[in-house]
Each structure stands twice: as structure tokens, then as C-alpha cells.
Amino acid sequence: EAHIDSNCRILGNCVVAKNANIGSHTIVGSNSMIKENITIGKNCDIKAGSIVVKNLKDNQVVSGNFALNHNQNVKNYFRSMQ
């Protein structure tokens, strides 16, 4: 019941729940999960192991559990290491 647009790459062990809409040229990294009734914009990059629970606009790059802006997640990670 999901709609996956053209030229998407969905890597292994992903879960795409019902009524999810994935825009064209989007990459869904391995072991990622997309909640039901979510809309993913065009040209998005969902990093491996991400859990998407909110709609994504075009060109967003997200990672983590729950998926947030990837650059912010990396900054937070290195801050926590200090």
C-alpha cells in the first residue's frame, strides 16, 4: 500500500509501512523504517538505521532514531564525546 516514485533506492532490511509516499531519487539506507502515512520528498537521503516518524521535505538528509537532520546528529554525537 506504499507508493514509491521513480529512481528510488531502498537498501536491504528496510520497512516501509502502509500509505507511505516516497518521492523520486530518494535513498533509504539499510535497516531503516518509515512509519505509516509518511510523505518523503524528492531527493531525500535517509541514512542507515534511521526511523522516520515525520514527513520530510525535498532534499532533506536525516539520520538516527528518530530521524533528524543528519548534520545536527553528527554535531550532537561529537559534543557528547567530549
Protein backbone atom coordinates (compact mmCIF):
# COMPACT_ATOMS: atom_id res chain seq x y z
CA GLU A 1 0.00 0.00 0.00
CA ALA A 2 3.02 2.29 -0.20
CA HIS A 3 3.80 4.49 -3.21
CA ILE A 4 7.45 4.57 -4.26
CA ASP A 5 8.28 7.01 -7.05
CA SER A 6 10.84 6.50 -9.83
CA ASN A 7 14.60 6.11 -9.37
CA CYS A 8 14.47 5.40 -5.62
CA ARG A 9 16.99 3.13 -3.94
CA ILE A 10 15.75 1.18 -0.95
CA LEU A 11 18.52 -0.89 0.57
CA GLY A 12 18.22 -4.19 2.47
CA ASN A 13 16.12 -4.90 5.56
CA CYS A 14 14.00 -1.73 5.32
CA VAL A 15 10.42 -1.46 6.48
CA VAL A 16 8.09 0.85 4.55
CA ALA A 17 4.70 0.91 6.25
CA LYS A 18 1.30 1.31 4.61
CA ASN A 19 0.33 4.56 2.89
CA ALA A 20 3.92 5.85 2.88
CA ASN A 21 4.81 8.00 -0.14
CA ILE A 22 8.45 8.18 -1.19
CA GLY A 23 9.46 10.83 -3.74
CA SER A 24 11.73 10.24 -6.72
CA HIS A 25 15.51 9.91 -6.43
CA THR A 26 15.33 9.18 -2.69
CA ILE A 27 17.75 6.81 -0.98
CA VAL A 28 16.60 4.78 2.04
CA GLY A 29 19.59 3.27 3.85
CA SER A 30 19.68 -0.30 5.09
CA ASN A 31 17.76 -1.24 8.24
CA SER A 32 15.67 1.95 8.09
CA MET A 33 11.99 2.16 8.97
CA ILE A 34 9.36 4.53 7.60
CA LYS A 35 6.21 4.88 9.68
CA GLU A 36 2.76 4.61 8.08
CA ASN A 37 1.15 7.66 6.45
CA ILE A 38 4.50 9.45 5.99
CA THR A 39 5.43 11.52 2.94
CA ILE A 40 9.09 11.64 1.92
CA GLY A 41 10.00 14.40 -0.55
CA LYS A 42 12.15 14.11 -3.66
CA ASN A 43 15.95 13.67 -3.48
CA CYS A 44 15.98 12.77 0.22
CA ASP A 45 18.75 10.74 1.85
CA ILE A 46 17.69 8.60 4.79
CA LYS A 47 20.83 7.23 6.41
CA ALA A 48 21.17 3.60 7.53
CA GLY A 49 19.25 2.59 10.64
CA SER A 50 17.00 5.66 10.67
CA ILE A 51 13.43 5.62 11.92
CA VAL A 52 11.33 8.20 10.09
CA VAL A 53 8.24 9.34 12.02
CA LYS A 54 7.68 12.78 10.46
CA ASN A 55 7.20 13.94 6.88
CA LEU A 56 10.35 15.02 5.05
CA LYS A 57 10.59 17.92 2.61
CA ASP A 58 12.52 17.72 -0.66
CA ASN A 59 16.31 17.34 -0.38
CA GLN A 60 16.42 16.54 3.34
CA VAL A 61 19.19 14.35 4.76
CA VAL A 62 18.22 12.60 8.00
CA SER A 63 19.64 10.00 10.35
CA GLY A 64 19.01 8.47 13.74
CA ASN A 65 16.21 7.23 15.92
CA PHE A 66 14.04 9.25 15.48
CA ALA A 67 15.30 10.67 12.18
CA LEU A 68 16.57 14.25 12.47
CA ASN A 69 18.78 16.47 10.36
CA HIS A 70 21.92 14.41 9.75
CA ASN A 71 24.41 17.27 10.22
CA GLN A 72 22.87 18.14 13.60
CA ASN A 73 23.01 14.48 14.68
CA VAL A 74 26.73 14.31 13.85
CA LYS A 75 27.44 17.53 15.81
CA ASN A 76 25.49 16.22 18.81
CA TYR A 77 27.41 12.96 18.69
CA PHE A 78 30.82 14.64 18.78
CA ARG A 79 29.69 17.03 21.53
CA SER A 80 28.69 14.06 23.68
CA MET A 81 32.15 12.50 23.18
CA GLN A 82 33.95 15.40 24.92
